[in-house]
Amino acid sequence: MAGQQVQQRVQDFCARFGLRVPILEAPMAGACPPALAIAVAEAGGLGANGVVLDQPERIADWMAEFRAGTNGPCQLNTWIPDEPVDAPDRVRAAEQFLNRFGEAGEPAGPGPVFAEQCEAMLAARPAVISSIMGLFEPDYVERLHREGIAWFACATNIADAMAAQEAGADAVVAQGMEAGGHRGSFDPQTAEQIDVGLFSLLPYLADRLRVPIIAAGGITDGRGVAAALALGASAVQVGTALLRSPEAGIDPAWSAAMEGLSPEQTIPTRAYSGRLGRAVPTQFVEAWTGDGAPLPAPYPDQRRLVGQWRRGGARVDRANNWAGQSAALATTAPAGEIIERMWADARELLA
C-alpha cells in the first residue's frame, strides 16, 4: 500500500505540472544556462533559471533560448528582497579585509529592480515561478494563478512552510541544510540556527501540509530520490547533482573541487554574498573563518563588494563555488543522462 501511495503521489504531481520525471533542476543564479534547463526538460524534468541577478531583458532572452530548444516546462526563480541593513562599520571592515586579496575594480551600476523582475517573469509565462527567502505579495500570487502559472515557495522550517501554504503556494520546496548554495531562510539573521536536515524536515512537513512537497538538499543519485519520495515528497529538486555536467559549463576549478569532496568538508559561509550558503572550502571562503577575519558585510553589500574586487582582478574566487554535502556523488555525465539515471535507479528501489 505504501508503494502505491508513493506512486500515486508522484503521478499526480507529474500530471499536474507537465512532467514525465519528478526531478526539478534547482534554479541556481549564474549556473543555469538555457542548455542545462533544456537538457533537464528534454529528459522529462523541470528546467530552471535563477534570475535574481538578471535585468528584465536578460530574463526574456533566456526564456526565448529555452523555448527554441524544447517544448518542456521550466521555472523562473527570484529572491524576495531583504529588509535593508544599515551597517557601515561591517561594510568598511569587509572592504579592508578584501584588500588583502588585491585591488578593487570599478563599482557596478544599479542592480535589477525586484518589481521589474517580477513583471518580466510573468511576461515570460513559464510553467512555474518560484520564490526563495520569503513570499510573494498576495496580488502577485493572484496574477500568477490568473495566468495559469504555478507558484513554488522555498522553506527551511515548518513556520515558513505553513506561511507559504496559507499564502497560496501550489507546492513547497523543503530545503534541508545539506543543500548547496544559498539557504532559503525567511529571516537572514537566524539562518545558522535553522540547521535542519532534509530527512528530518521532510516527514514533519508531509504530516502537516496539504500542498505537494518538493525535497531539496543532498539529493545527488537515485537513492536520494527514492528516500525523499518514500518520506512524503512528490518530487525532488537537484542542483549540485547537475553542476558538473557539460551543459552547466561552470568554471573547471569549481567542478574539480567537488571531486571526492566529503560531506563534512563543505562550508556554510556568508563570504560570497552576505547571505548564508554552503560552498566548497576554497582559500577565499576559508579566509573569512580565520583569526581576525571580520563578519562579511550584510546582503547585498557583501555581494556588491565581492563583485567589485573580482572586476579588479583580485585573488577572489571567479565564481561562487557552491556545493551541497553530497557533491562527491556528482558526475560529469550529460545532464539528461543524470536525470534519466537518477529516476531509473529510484524506480528500481521503490519497486
Protein backbone atom coordinates (compact mmCIF):
# COMPACT_ATOMS: atom_id res chain seq x y z
CA MET A 1 0.00 0.00 0.00
CA ALA A 2 2.79 2.45 0.86
CA GLY A 3 4.42 1.90 -2.52
CA GLN A 4 1.13 2.57 -4.27
CA GLN A 5 0.69 5.80 -2.33
CA VAL A 6 4.14 6.99 -3.37
CA GLN A 7 3.47 6.09 -6.99
CA GLN A 8 0.11 7.88 -7.00
CA ARG A 9 1.57 10.97 -5.34
CA VAL A 10 4.33 11.18 -7.95
CA GLN A 11 1.96 10.56 -10.84
CA ASP A 12 -0.42 13.27 -9.64
CA PHE A 13 2.41 15.78 -9.33
CA CYS A 14 3.86 14.99 -12.76
CA ALA A 15 0.45 15.15 -14.42
CA ARG A 16 -0.34 18.49 -12.79
CA PHE A 17 2.91 20.17 -13.82
CA GLY A 18 3.53 18.53 -17.20
CA LEU A 19 6.46 16.29 -16.25
CA ARG A 20 7.47 12.74 -17.10
CA VAL A 21 10.01 12.57 -14.29
CA PRO A 22 9.61 14.04 -10.75
CA ILE A 23 13.00 15.73 -10.82
CA LEU A 24 13.43 19.52 -10.96
CA GLU A 25 16.56 21.47 -11.76
CA ALA A 26 17.39 23.84 -8.91
CA PRO A 27 17.22 27.49 -10.05
CA MET A 28 20.88 28.38 -9.48
CA ALA A 29 21.60 32.01 -10.29
CA GLY A 30 24.62 32.21 -12.60
CA ALA A 31 24.75 28.44 -13.18
CA CYS A 32 21.56 27.78 -15.15
CA PRO A 33 22.33 28.39 -18.82
CA PRO A 34 19.48 27.54 -21.19
CA ALA A 35 21.36 24.45 -22.39
CA LEU A 36 21.16 22.90 -18.92
CA ALA A 37 17.47 23.64 -18.49
CA ILE A 38 16.75 22.32 -21.98
CA ALA A 39 18.55 19.06 -21.21
CA VAL A 40 16.58 18.60 -17.99
CA ALA A 41 13.26 19.35 -19.68
CA GLU A 42 14.02 17.04 -22.59
CA ALA A 43 14.72 14.26 -20.07
CA GLY A 44 11.23 14.79 -18.65
CA GLY A 45 12.03 17.04 -15.68
CA LEU A 46 11.52 20.73 -14.95
CA GLY A 47 14.22 23.11 -16.19
CA ALA A 48 15.04 26.23 -14.24
CA ASN A 49 16.72 29.61 -14.07
CA GLY A 50 17.56 31.74 -11.06
CA VAL A 51 17.05 35.34 -12.16
CA VAL A 52 17.96 37.28 -9.00
CA LEU A 53 20.90 38.91 -10.82
CA ASP A 54 19.12 39.42 -14.16
CA GLN A 55 17.65 42.51 -15.75
CA PRO A 56 14.23 42.06 -17.43
CA GLU A 57 15.65 41.82 -20.96
CA ARG A 58 18.00 39.03 -19.89
CA ILE A 59 15.07 37.10 -18.43
CA ALA A 60 13.24 37.41 -21.75
CA ASP A 61 16.31 36.35 -23.74
CA TRP A 62 16.89 33.30 -21.54
CA MET A 63 13.29 32.18 -21.96
CA ALA A 64 13.41 32.68 -25.73
CA GLU A 65 16.51 30.49 -25.98
CA PHE A 66 14.94 27.86 -23.72
CA ARG A 67 11.78 27.72 -25.82
CA ALA A 68 13.82 27.45 -29.01
CA GLY A 69 15.36 24.24 -27.64
CA THR A 70 12.42 22.42 -26.06
CA ASN A 71 8.68 22.34 -25.58
CA GLY A 72 9.20 21.20 -22.00
CA PRO A 73 8.36 23.21 -18.87
CA CYS A 74 10.59 25.37 -16.69
CA GLN A 75 10.55 27.52 -13.59
CA LEU A 76 11.92 31.00 -13.05
CA ASN A 77 13.01 31.96 -9.55
CA THR A 78 13.96 35.11 -7.70
CA TRP A 79 14.68 36.21 -4.16
CA ILE A 80 12.26 38.15 -2.01
CA PRO A 81 14.25 41.27 -1.04
CA ASP A 82 15.63 41.50 2.50
CA GLU A 83 14.85 44.43 4.73
CA PRO A 84 17.78 46.86 4.32
CA VAL A 85 20.51 46.57 6.96
CA ASP A 86 22.46 49.74 7.71
CA ALA A 87 25.84 48.51 8.94
CA PRO A 88 28.56 50.89 7.70
CA ASP A 89 31.15 49.54 10.15
CA ARG A 90 30.72 45.99 8.81
CA VAL A 91 30.94 47.24 5.23
CA ARG A 92 34.18 49.12 5.95
CA ALA A 93 35.65 46.10 7.74
CA ALA A 94 34.78 43.85 4.78
CA GLU A 95 36.35 46.34 2.35
CA GLN A 96 39.56 46.43 4.38
CA PHE A 97 39.68 42.63 4.55
CA LEU A 98 39.13 42.29 0.80
CA ASN A 99 42.18 44.48 0.20
CA ARG A 100 44.38 41.55 1.22
CA PHE A 101 43.26 39.76 -1.96
CA GLY A 102 44.26 42.57 -4.33
CA GLU A 103 42.84 45.76 -5.76
CA ALA A 104 39.20 46.54 -6.26
CA GLY A 105 37.69 47.33 -9.64
CA GLU A 106 35.08 49.89 -10.53
CA PRO A 107 31.77 49.76 -8.64
CA ALA A 108 28.93 48.20 -10.55
CA GLY A 109 25.90 50.13 -11.68
CA PRO A 110 22.50 49.65 -10.08
CA GLY A 111 21.28 46.08 -9.97
CA PRO A 112 17.93 44.78 -11.20
CA VAL A 113 14.71 46.03 -9.62
CA PHE A 114 12.65 43.31 -7.95
CA ALA A 115 9.30 44.62 -9.20
CA GLU A 116 10.60 44.72 -12.77
CA GLN A 117 11.94 41.18 -12.46
CA CYS A 118 8.52 40.03 -11.29
CA GLU A 119 6.87 41.63 -14.31
CA ALA A 120 9.45 40.09 -16.66
CA MET A 121 8.90 36.63 -15.20
CA LEU A 122 5.17 37.00 -15.57
CA ALA A 123 5.56 38.13 -19.18
CA ALA A 124 7.81 35.14 -19.91
CA ARG A 125 4.98 32.79 -18.84
CA PRO A 126 6.95 29.82 -17.52
CA ALA A 127 5.09 26.86 -16.06
CA VAL A 128 6.29 27.83 -12.58
CA ILE A 129 7.53 30.99 -10.86
CA SER A 130 9.25 30.25 -7.57
CA SER A 131 10.44 32.27 -4.60
CA ILE A 132 13.18 31.94 -2.01
CA MET A 133 13.94 33.97 1.14
CA GLY A 134 10.26 34.88 1.61
CA LEU A 135 6.84 35.08 -0.01
CA PHE A 136 5.35 36.98 -2.91
CA GLU A 137 2.71 39.61 -2.20
CA PRO A 138 -0.92 38.37 -2.46
CA ASP A 139 -1.73 40.43 -5.55
CA TYR A 140 1.22 38.94 -7.45
CA VAL A 141 0.21 35.40 -6.44
CA GLU A 142 -3.29 36.15 -7.70
CA ARG A 143 -1.90 37.37 -11.02
CA LEU A 144 0.23 34.23 -11.39
CA HIS A 145 -2.71 31.96 -10.82
CA ARG A 146 -4.90 34.00 -13.15
CA GLU A 147 -2.33 33.37 -15.89
CA GLY A 148 -2.16 29.65 -15.10
CA ILE A 149 1.35 29.89 -13.62
CA ALA A 150 2.11 27.85 -10.51
CA TRP A 151 3.98 29.24 -7.51
CA PHE A 152 6.57 27.12 -5.69
CA ALA A 153 7.86 28.59 -2.40
CA CYS A 154 11.11 27.50 -0.72
CA ALA A 155 11.00 26.89 3.05
CA THR A 156 13.52 25.61 5.57
CA ASN A 157 11.21 25.12 8.57
CA ILE A 158 7.60 24.39 9.44
CA ALA A 159 6.62 28.00 10.17
CA ASP A 160 7.79 29.24 6.76
CA ALA A 161 6.24 26.24 5.00
CA MET A 162 2.85 26.80 6.65
CA ALA A 163 3.02 30.50 5.81
CA ALA A 164 3.72 29.63 2.16
CA GLN A 165 0.79 27.23 2.02
CA GLU A 166 -1.59 29.78 3.54
CA ALA A 167 -0.33 32.42 1.09
CA GLY A 168 -1.39 30.25 -1.85
CA ALA A 169 1.77 28.35 -2.83
CA ASP A 170 1.00 25.44 -5.16
CA ALA A 171 3.94 23.47 -3.73
CA VAL A 172 6.57 23.92 -1.04
CA VAL A 173 10.25 23.29 -1.75
CA ALA A 174 11.55 21.81 1.52
CA GLN A 175 15.22 22.76 1.63
CA GLY A 176 17.43 20.85 4.05
CA MET A 177 20.68 22.19 5.44
CA GLU A 178 22.61 19.77 3.18
CA ALA A 179 21.77 21.87 0.14
CA GLY A 180 24.47 23.69 -1.77
CA GLY A 181 24.12 27.39 -2.46
CA HIS A 182 22.04 29.86 -0.52
CA ARG A 183 19.86 28.80 2.37
CA GLY A 184 16.26 29.88 1.86
CA SER A 185 15.53 31.07 5.40
CA PHE A 186 12.99 33.89 5.52
CA ASP A 187 14.93 35.57 8.33
CA PRO A 188 18.55 36.11 7.19
CA GLN A 189 19.76 36.71 10.74
CA THR A 190 18.73 33.26 12.03
CA ALA A 191 19.86 31.14 9.08
CA GLU A 192 22.68 29.50 11.06
CA GLN A 193 20.23 28.39 13.75
CA ILE A 194 17.79 26.84 11.26
CA ASP A 195 20.01 23.83 10.74
CA VAL A 196 17.54 21.05 9.92
CA GLY A 197 18.47 18.10 7.73
CA LEU A 198 16.16 17.24 4.85
CA PHE A 199 15.20 13.79 6.10
CA SER A 200 14.10 15.25 9.45
CA LEU A 201 12.29 18.19 7.85
CA LEU A 202 10.53 16.23 5.12
CA PRO A 203 8.30 13.80 7.08
CA TYR A 204 7.47 16.55 9.56
CA LEU A 205 6.17 18.74 6.73
CA ALA A 206 4.47 15.81 5.00
CA ASP A 207 2.33 15.18 8.10
CA ARG A 208 1.19 18.81 8.22
CA LEU A 209 0.96 20.30 4.71
CA ARG A 210 -1.87 19.91 2.22
CA VAL A 211 0.15 21.04 -0.82
CA PRO A 212 2.79 18.87 -2.54
CA ILE A 213 6.33 18.94 -1.17
CA ILE A 214 9.46 19.09 -3.32
CA ALA A 215 12.53 17.79 -1.48
CA ALA A 216 15.83 19.67 -1.89
CA GLY A 217 19.23 19.22 -0.30
CA GLY A 218 21.81 16.45 -0.59
CA ILE A 219 19.98 14.51 -3.33
CA THR A 220 22.51 13.51 -5.96
CA ASP A 221 21.55 10.00 -7.05
CA GLY A 222 18.61 7.59 -7.27
CA ARG A 223 18.95 6.54 -3.64
CA GLY A 224 18.27 10.10 -2.50
CA VAL A 225 15.32 10.43 -4.87
CA ALA A 226 13.75 7.19 -3.61
CA ALA A 227 14.29 8.13 0.04
CA ALA A 228 12.74 11.58 -0.41
CA LEU A 229 9.68 10.20 -2.18
CA ALA A 230 9.24 7.49 0.45
CA LEU A 231 9.31 10.15 3.19
CA GLY A 232 6.49 12.15 1.67
CA ALA A 233 7.86 14.27 -1.18
CA SER A 234 6.05 14.39 -4.51
CA ALA A 235 9.22 15.37 -6.38
CA VAL A 236 12.84 16.37 -5.77
CA GLN A 237 14.91 19.40 -6.76
CA VAL A 238 18.61 18.94 -7.53
CA GLY A 239 21.39 21.44 -8.12
CA THR A 240 24.78 20.06 -7.14
CA ALA A 241 23.95 16.82 -8.98
CA LEU A 242 23.91 18.78 -12.26
CA LEU A 243 26.71 21.30 -11.70
CA ARG A 244 29.49 19.15 -13.17
CA SER A 245 27.55 18.31 -16.35
CA PRO A 246 28.90 19.83 -19.57
CA GLU A 247 25.68 21.79 -20.08
CA ALA A 248 26.19 23.67 -16.80
CA GLY A 249 29.53 25.00 -18.05
CA ILE A 250 30.85 26.05 -14.64
CA ASP A 251 34.48 27.03 -14.01
CA PRO A 252 36.67 23.90 -14.32
CA ALA A 253 38.37 24.57 -10.98
CA TRP A 254 34.97 24.67 -9.26
CA SER A 255 33.97 21.38 -10.88
CA ALA A 256 37.27 19.73 -9.97
CA ALA A 257 36.94 20.87 -6.35
CA MET A 258 33.79 18.76 -5.98
CA GLU A 259 35.63 15.57 -6.96
CA GLY A 260 35.72 13.43 -3.81
CA LEU A 261 34.55 16.31 -1.59
CA SER A 262 33.32 14.68 1.63
CA PRO A 263 30.10 15.93 3.27
CA GLU A 264 31.84 17.44 6.27
CA GLN A 265 34.22 19.44 4.11
CA THR A 266 31.56 21.76 2.67
CA ILE A 267 31.29 25.08 4.49
CA PRO A 268 28.28 27.26 5.36
CA THR A 269 29.51 30.75 4.54
CA ARG A 270 28.39 34.34 4.07
CA ALA A 271 31.65 35.23 2.29
CA TYR A 272 30.20 35.48 -1.22
CA SER A 273 27.02 37.46 -0.69
CA GLY A 274 26.30 38.19 2.96
CA ARG A 275 23.54 35.57 2.86
CA LEU A 276 24.32 32.10 4.24
CA GLY A 277 25.11 29.38 1.69
CA ARG A 278 27.00 26.07 1.53
CA ALA A 279 30.19 26.07 -0.54
CA VAL A 280 33.47 24.39 -1.41
CA PRO A 281 36.19 25.25 1.16
CA THR A 282 38.26 27.45 -1.15
CA GLN A 283 41.08 29.63 0.17
CA PHE A 284 38.84 32.68 -0.20
CA VAL A 285 35.98 31.11 1.75
CA GLU A 286 38.24 29.76 4.49
CA ALA A 287 39.94 33.14 4.89
CA TRP A 288 36.68 34.54 6.30
CA THR A 289 36.79 31.95 9.11
CA GLY A 290 40.37 32.70 10.17
CA ASP A 291 41.57 34.60 13.21
CA GLY A 292 40.96 38.30 12.84
CA ALA A 293 38.55 37.95 9.91
CA PRO A 294 35.54 40.27 10.14
CA LEU A 295 31.95 39.33 9.62
CA PRO A 296 31.08 39.63 5.95
CA ALA A 297 29.02 42.71 5.14
CA PRO A 298 25.23 42.22 5.11
CA TYR A 299 23.46 41.19 1.92
CA PRO A 300 23.56 42.71 -0.68
CA ASP A 301 26.63 44.78 0.32
CA GLN A 302 28.91 41.74 0.52
CA ARG A 303 27.81 40.54 -2.92
CA ARG A 304 28.46 44.01 -4.33
CA LEU A 305 31.93 44.18 -2.75
CA VAL A 306 32.98 40.72 -3.92
CA GLY A 307 31.89 41.62 -7.45
CA GLN A 308 33.90 44.83 -7.30
CA TRP A 309 37.07 43.02 -6.23
CA ARG A 310 36.53 40.38 -8.92
CA ARG A 311 36.39 43.11 -11.54
CA GLY A 312 39.71 44.39 -10.24
CA GLY A 313 41.38 41.03 -10.82
CA ALA A 314 41.88 40.31 -7.12
CA ARG A 315 42.57 36.77 -5.90
CA VAL A 316 38.89 36.16 -5.27
CA ASP A 317 37.04 33.06 -6.50
CA ARG A 318 35.91 33.85 -10.03
CA ALA A 319 32.54 32.26 -9.28
CA ASN A 320 30.69 31.37 -6.10
CA ASN A 321 31.87 27.78 -5.57
CA TRP A 322 28.65 26.40 -4.15
CA ALA A 323 28.37 22.69 -3.32
CA GLY A 324 25.94 20.55 -1.35
CA GLN A 325 27.00 17.89 1.11
CA SER A 326 26.63 15.11 -1.48
CA ALA A 327 28.91 16.83 -4.01
CA ALA A 328 31.21 13.80 -4.22
CA LEU A 329 28.39 11.89 -5.93
CA ALA A 330 28.03 14.45 -8.72
CA THR A 331 29.29 13.25 -12.09
CA THR A 332 30.45 14.86 -15.32
CA ALA A 333 27.86 12.97 -17.41
CA PRO A 334 25.46 14.92 -19.65
CA ALA A 335 22.59 16.43 -17.70
CA GLY A 336 19.91 14.41 -19.47
CA GLU A 337 21.70 11.17 -18.63
CA ILE A 338 21.99 12.23 -14.99
CA ILE A 339 18.24 12.85 -14.74
CA GLU A 340 17.34 9.63 -16.52
CA ARG A 341 19.72 7.53 -14.40
CA MET A 342 18.53 9.06 -11.14
CA TRP A 343 14.91 8.26 -11.96
CA ALA A 344 15.64 4.76 -13.25
CA ASP A 345 17.59 3.90 -10.10
CA ALA A 346 14.92 5.44 -7.87
CA ARG A 347 12.13 3.50 -9.56
CA GLU A 348 14.03 0.26 -9.09
CA LEU A 349 14.48 0.94 -5.39
CA LEU A 350 10.87 2.00 -4.89
CA ALA A 351 9.62 -1.13 -6.67
